[in-house]
Amino acid sequence: MPLQIHPSLFNPAMLWADLAMKATEMMVASAEVIGNRVDQIARAGANPSPRDIREIALMSSEKVKAATESNLAVATRMQAQNMQIFARAWQQWLTSLGAMTALTTSRTFGEALSRQNSLFNALSRSGRTHAQISSDTARLAHAAIKPVHAASTANAKRLRRAKKTRSTRR
């Protein structure tokens, strides 16, 4: 029987690559936001305007909100996934152990070939299970980064517009 590669084995790689892109996008946006805010604070100096004070206050509340949403998303997913991962791992272990035991107790060559095939299938399912766990972990990381990514990219856009507005007024 030829080796068949299951398409879901490639899914984790795509999920992790997408996560890397989101993290990069978030870091670029965060750097832009930090630069804009530091510039705004430096320009305000000792006499910040009400708009400057609002922006400074907004920094703290946005961070708390994004961190809270991220923690909630992680806790929710972890609660649902922990039991599934445990059950899946336990089932794989028992299936593989049973297949190995059956192979070692084979009495004929034909029986051994049949049981070897069962062991191969059990181990193949184990590979798919590991790919699924990797996918689940990537989805968990996506859920964790989503609120922070949303806040940082939205802030970058908002501050970019505000900066354009300020520069056209001058």
C-alpha atoms as a PDB file:
ATOM      1  CA  MET A   1       0.000   0.000   0.000  1.00  0.00           C
ATOM      2  CA  PRO A   2       1.547   3.382  -1.036  1.00  0.00           C
ATOM      3  CA  LEU A   3       2.120   6.027   1.612  1.00  0.00           C
ATOM      4  CA  GLN A   4      -0.717   8.530   1.569  1.00  0.00           C
ATOM      5  CA  ILE A   5      -0.132  12.012   2.922  1.00  0.00           C
ATOM      6  CA  HIS A   6      -3.244  13.449   4.461  1.00  0.00           C
ATOM      7  CA  PRO A   7      -3.987  17.079   3.442  1.00  0.00           C
ATOM      8  CA  SER A   8      -4.609  18.065   7.063  1.00  0.00           C
ATOM      9  CA  LEU A   9      -0.900  17.516   7.751  1.00  0.00           C
ATOM     10  CA  PHE A  10      -0.173  20.685   5.805  1.00  0.00           C
ATOM     11  CA  ASN A  11      -2.841  22.705   7.588  1.00  0.00           C
ATOM     12  CA  PRO A  12      -0.762  23.421  10.711  1.00  0.00           C
ATOM     13  CA  ALA A  13       2.018  24.913   8.606  1.00  0.00           C
ATOM     14  CA  MET A  14      -0.427  27.292   6.943  1.00  0.00           C
ATOM     15  CA  LEU A  15      -1.957  28.249  10.287  1.00  0.00           C
ATOM     16  CA  TRP A  16       1.476  28.963  11.781  1.00  0.00           C
ATOM     17  CA  ALA A  17       2.523  30.949   8.698  1.00  0.00           C
ATOM     18  CA  ASP A  18      -0.651  33.030   8.938  1.00  0.00           C
ATOM     19  CA  LEU A  19       0.031  33.595  12.637  1.00  0.00           C
ATOM     20  CA  ALA A  20       3.547  34.782  11.812  1.00  0.00           C
ATOM     21  CA  MET A  21       2.117  37.249   9.281  1.00  0.00           C
ATOM     22  CA  LYS A  22      -0.411  38.568  11.819  1.00  0.00           C
ATOM     23  CA  ALA A  23       2.303  38.920  14.469  1.00  0.00           C
ATOM     24  CA  THR A  24       4.533  40.801  12.028  1.00  0.00           C
ATOM     25  CA  GLU A  25       1.659  43.070  11.011  1.00  0.00           C
ATOM     26  CA  MET A  26       0.894  43.689  14.690  1.00  0.00           C
ATOM     27  CA  MET A  27       4.523  44.510  15.517  1.00  0.00           C
ATOM     28  CA  VAL A  28       4.814  46.964  12.611  1.00  0.00           C
ATOM     29  CA  ALA A  29       1.568  48.658  13.649  1.00  0.00           C
ATOM     30  CA  SER A  30       2.699  48.751  17.292  1.00  0.00           C
ATOM     31  CA  ALA A  31       5.996  50.368  16.322  1.00  0.00           C
ATOM     32  CA  GLU A  32       4.092  52.979  14.336  1.00  0.00           C
ATOM     33  CA  VAL A  33       1.694  53.652  17.226  1.00  0.00           C
ATOM     34  CA  ILE A  34       4.548  53.931  19.727  1.00  0.00           C
ATOM     35  CA  GLY A  35       6.392  56.331  17.434  1.00  0.00           C
ATOM     36  CA  ASN A  36       3.303  58.499  16.925  1.00  0.00           C
ATOM     37  CA  ARG A  37       2.481  58.586  20.616  1.00  0.00           C
ATOM     38  CA  VAL A  38       6.032  59.346  21.724  1.00  0.00           C
ATOM     39  CA  ASP A  39       6.157  62.139  19.159  1.00  0.00           C
ATOM     40  CA  GLN A  40       2.815  63.483  20.391  1.00  0.00           C
ATOM     41  CA  ILE A  41       3.927  63.366  24.038  1.00  0.00           C
ATOM     42  CA  ALA A  42       7.257  65.017  23.205  1.00  0.00           C
ATOM     43  CA  ARG A  43       5.529  67.790  21.262  1.00  0.00           C
ATOM     44  CA  ALA A  44       3.067  68.351  24.098  1.00  0.00           C
ATOM     45  CA  GLY A  45       5.900  68.790  26.574  1.00  0.00           C
ATOM     46  CA  ALA A  46       4.909  70.137  29.976  1.00  0.00           C
ATOM     47  CA  ASN A  47       1.575  71.541  28.720  1.00  0.00           C
ATOM     48  CA  PRO A  48      -0.413  68.689  27.144  1.00  0.00           C
ATOM     49  CA  SER A  49      -3.674  69.605  25.491  1.00  0.00           C
ATOM     50  CA  PRO A  50      -6.934  67.859  26.440  1.00  0.00           C
ATOM     51  CA  ARG A  51      -6.539  65.769  23.258  1.00  0.00           C
ATOM     52  CA  ASP A  52      -3.019  64.736  24.364  1.00  0.00           C
ATOM     53  CA  ILE A  53      -4.295  63.783  27.821  1.00  0.00           C
ATOM     54  CA  ARG A  54      -7.121  61.726  26.282  1.00  0.00           C
ATOM     55  CA  GLU A  55      -4.616  59.923  24.057  1.00  0.00           C
ATOM     56  CA  ILE A  56      -2.343  59.124  27.005  1.00  0.00           C
ATOM     57  CA  ALA A  57      -5.298  57.821  29.035  1.00  0.00           C
ATOM     58  CA  LEU A  58      -6.462  55.816  26.037  1.00  0.00           C
ATOM     59  CA  MET A  59      -3.108  54.006  25.885  1.00  0.00           C
ATOM     60  CA  SER A  60      -3.633  52.332  29.259  1.00  0.00           C
ATOM     61  CA  SER A  61      -7.279  51.419  28.799  1.00  0.00           C
ATOM     62  CA  GLU A  62      -6.611  49.933  25.332  1.00  0.00           C
ATOM     63  CA  LYS A  63      -3.822  47.747  26.662  1.00  0.00           C
ATOM     64  CA  VAL A  64      -5.944  46.480  29.549  1.00  0.00           C
ATOM     65  CA  LYS A  65      -8.882  45.815  27.215  1.00  0.00           C
ATOM     66  CA  ALA A  66      -6.759  43.943  24.642  1.00  0.00           C
ATOM     67  CA  ALA A  67      -5.006  41.890  27.345  1.00  0.00           C
ATOM     68  CA  THR A  68      -8.329  41.004  28.981  1.00  0.00           C
ATOM     69  CA  GLU A  69      -9.879  39.951  25.666  1.00  0.00           C
ATOM     70  CA  SER A  70      -6.782  37.921  24.805  1.00  0.00           C
ATOM     71  CA  ASN A  71      -6.779  36.153  28.179  1.00  0.00           C
ATOM     72  CA  LEU A  72     -10.487  35.418  27.904  1.00  0.00           C
ATOM     73  CA  ALA A  73     -10.062  33.981  24.402  1.00  0.00           C
ATOM     74  CA  VAL A  74      -7.201  31.752  25.556  1.00  0.00           C
ATOM     75  CA  ALA A  75      -9.048  30.572  28.674  1.00  0.00           C
ATOM     76  CA  THR A  76     -12.185  29.764  26.679  1.00  0.00           C
ATOM     77  CA  ARG A  77     -10.296  27.781  24.053  1.00  0.00           C
ATOM     78  CA  MET A  78      -8.083  26.020  26.576  1.00  0.00           C
ATOM     79  CA  GLN A  79     -11.083  24.920  28.587  1.00  0.00           C
ATOM     80  CA  ALA A  80     -12.659  23.354  25.514  1.00  0.00           C
ATOM     81  CA  GLN A  81      -9.467  21.899  24.036  1.00  0.00           C
ATOM     82  CA  ASN A  82      -7.737  20.446  27.083  1.00  0.00           C
ATOM     83  CA  MET A  83     -10.195  17.614  27.527  1.00  0.00           C
ATOM     84  CA  GLN A  84     -10.315  16.931  23.782  1.00  0.00           C
ATOM     85  CA  ILE A  85      -6.521  16.765  23.566  1.00  0.00           C
ATOM     86  CA  PHE A  86      -6.312  14.490  26.592  1.00  0.00           C
ATOM     87  CA  ALA A  87      -9.027  12.165  25.237  1.00  0.00           C
ATOM     88  CA  ARG A  88      -7.426  12.085  21.782  1.00  0.00           C
ATOM     89  CA  ALA A  89      -3.948  11.338  23.186  1.00  0.00           C
ATOM     90  CA  TRP A  90      -5.299   8.623  25.479  1.00  0.00           C
ATOM     91  CA  GLN A  91      -7.234   7.022  22.625  1.00  0.00           C
ATOM     92  CA  GLN A  92      -4.169   7.095  20.359  1.00  0.00           C
ATOM     93  CA  TRP A  93      -1.985   5.583  23.039  1.00  0.00           C
ATOM     94  CA  LEU A  94      -4.433   2.756  23.721  1.00  0.00           C
ATOM     95  CA  THR A  95      -4.978   2.062  20.014  1.00  0.00           C
ATOM     96  CA  SER A  96      -1.251   1.972  19.271  1.00  0.00           C
ATOM     97  CA  LEU A  97      -0.509  -0.171  22.311  1.00  0.00           C
ATOM     98  CA  GLY A  98      -3.276  -2.584  21.329  1.00  0.00           C
ATOM     99  CA  ALA A  99      -1.973  -2.818  17.769  1.00  0.00           C
ATOM    100  CA  MET A 100       1.613  -3.411  18.975  1.00  0.00           C
ATOM    101  CA  THR A 101       0.453  -6.080  21.411  1.00  0.00           C
ATOM    102  CA  ALA A 102      -1.604  -7.777  18.710  1.00  0.00           C
ATOM    103  CA  LEU A 103       1.394  -7.774  16.352  1.00  0.00           C
ATOM    104  CA  THR A 104       3.677  -9.374  18.938  1.00  0.00           C
ATOM    105  CA  THR A 105       1.165 -12.152  19.600  1.00  0.00           C
ATOM    106  CA  SER A 106       0.702 -13.085  15.933  1.00  0.00           C
ATOM    107  CA  ARG A 107       0.813 -16.856  15.296  1.00  0.00           C
ATOM    108  CA  THR A 108       1.127 -16.872  11.523  1.00  0.00           C
ATOM    109  CA  PHE A 109       2.879 -14.811   8.914  1.00  0.00           C
ATOM    110  CA  GLY A 110      -0.457 -13.726   7.391  1.00  0.00           C
ATOM    111  CA  GLU A 111      -1.746 -12.704  10.810  1.00  0.00           C
ATOM    112  CA  ALA A 112       1.447 -10.711  11.416  1.00  0.00           C
ATOM    113  CA  LEU A 113       1.067  -8.884   8.077  1.00  0.00           C
ATOM    114  CA  SER A 114      -2.535  -8.030   8.839  1.00  0.00           C
ATOM    115  CA  ARG A 115      -1.654  -6.800  12.322  1.00  0.00           C
ATOM    116  CA  GLN A 116       1.330  -4.889  11.006  1.00  0.00           C
ATOM    117  CA  ASN A 117      -1.086  -3.052   8.719  1.00  0.00           C
ATOM    118  CA  SER A 118      -3.299  -2.292  11.738  1.00  0.00           C
ATOM    119  CA  LEU A 119      -0.283  -0.932  13.608  1.00  0.00           C
ATOM    120  CA  PHE A 120       0.695   1.198  10.613  1.00  0.00           C
ATOM    121  CA  ASN A 121      -2.843   2.611  10.435  1.00  0.00           C
ATOM    122  CA  ALA A 122      -2.833   3.356  14.175  1.00  0.00           C
ATOM    123  CA  LEU A 123       0.506   5.150  13.884  1.00  0.00           C
ATOM    124  CA  SER A 124      -0.740   7.070  10.827  1.00  0.00           C
ATOM    125  CA  ARG A 125      -3.736   8.253  12.833  1.00  0.00           C
ATOM    126  CA  SER A 126      -1.281   9.270  15.538  1.00  0.00           C
ATOM    127  CA  GLY A 127       0.501  11.525  13.021  1.00  0.00           C
ATOM    128  CA  ARG A 128      -2.799  13.122  12.053  1.00  0.00           C
ATOM    129  CA  THR A 129      -3.585  13.588  15.752  1.00  0.00           C
ATOM    130  CA  HIS A 130      -0.285  15.407  16.244  1.00  0.00           C
ATOM    131  CA  ALA A 131      -1.071  17.594  13.238  1.00  0.00           C
ATOM    132  CA  GLN A 132      -4.493  18.319  14.734  1.00  0.00           C
ATOM    133  CA  ILE A 133      -2.919  19.259  18.079  1.00  0.00           C
ATOM    134  CA  SER A 134      -0.553  21.601  16.239  1.00  0.00           C
ATOM    135  CA  SER A 135      -3.510  23.127  14.390  1.00  0.00           C
ATOM    136  CA  ASP A 136      -5.414  23.532  17.647  1.00  0.00           C
ATOM    137  CA  THR A 137      -2.397  25.242  19.214  1.00  0.00           C
ATOM    138  CA  ALA A 138      -2.059  27.582  16.240  1.00  0.00           C
ATOM    139  CA  ARG A 139      -5.764  28.444  16.506  1.00  0.00           C
ATOM    140  CA  LEU A 140      -5.263  29.125  20.206  1.00  0.00           C
ATOM    141  CA  ALA A 141      -2.394  31.483  19.382  1.00  0.00           C
ATOM    142  CA  HIS A 142      -4.595  33.169  16.752  1.00  0.00           C
ATOM    143  CA  ALA A 143      -7.308  33.711  19.360  1.00  0.00           C
ATOM    144  CA  ALA A 144      -4.731  35.150  21.767  1.00  0.00           C
ATOM    145  CA  ILE A 145      -3.245  37.566  19.258  1.00  0.00           C
ATOM    146  CA  LYS A 146      -6.517  38.651  17.615  1.00  0.00           C
ATOM    147  CA  PRO A 147      -7.547  41.393  20.115  1.00  0.00           C
ATOM    148  CA  VAL A 148      -4.011  42.785  20.340  1.00  0.00           C
ATOM    149  CA  HIS A 149      -3.642  42.748  16.551  1.00  0.00           C
ATOM    150  CA  ALA A 150      -7.011  44.460  16.121  1.00  0.00           C
ATOM    151  CA  ALA A 151      -6.165  47.179  18.638  1.00  0.00           C
ATOM    152  CA  SER A 152      -2.689  47.886  17.299  1.00  0.00           C
ATOM    153  CA  THR A 153      -3.681  48.023  13.634  1.00  0.00           C
ATOM    154  CA  ALA A 154      -6.768  50.154  14.402  1.00  0.00           C
ATOM    155  CA  ASN A 155      -4.636  52.550  16.457  1.00  0.00           C
ATOM    156  CA  ALA A 156      -2.057  52.816  13.687  1.00  0.00           C
ATOM    157  CA  LYS A 157      -4.790  53.753  11.185  1.00  0.00           C
ATOM    158  CA  ARG A 158      -6.454  56.195  13.576  1.00  0.00           C
ATOM    159  CA  LEU A 159      -3.203  57.921  14.519  1.00  0.00           C
ATOM    160  CA  ARG A 160      -2.128  58.051  10.873  1.00  0.00           C
ATOM    161  CA  ARG A 161      -5.370  59.880  10.012  1.00  0.00           C
ATOM    162  CA  ALA A 162      -4.973  62.209  13.015  1.00  0.00           C
ATOM    163  CA  LYS A 163      -1.405  63.007  12.007  1.00  0.00           C
ATOM    164  CA  LYS A 164      -2.507  63.829   8.435  1.00  0.00           C
ATOM    165  CA  THR A 165      -5.267  66.062   9.794  1.00  0.00           C
ATOM    166  CA  ARG A 166      -2.830  67.904  12.070  1.00  0.00           C
ATOM    167  CA  SER A 167      -0.281  68.374   9.280  1.00  0.00           C
ATOM    168  CA  THR A 168      -2.894  69.765   6.841  1.00  0.00           C
ATOM    169  CA  ARG A 169      -4.053  72.306   9.444  1.00  0.00           C
ATOM    170  CA  ARG A 170      -0.571  73.795   9.709  1.00  0.00           C
END
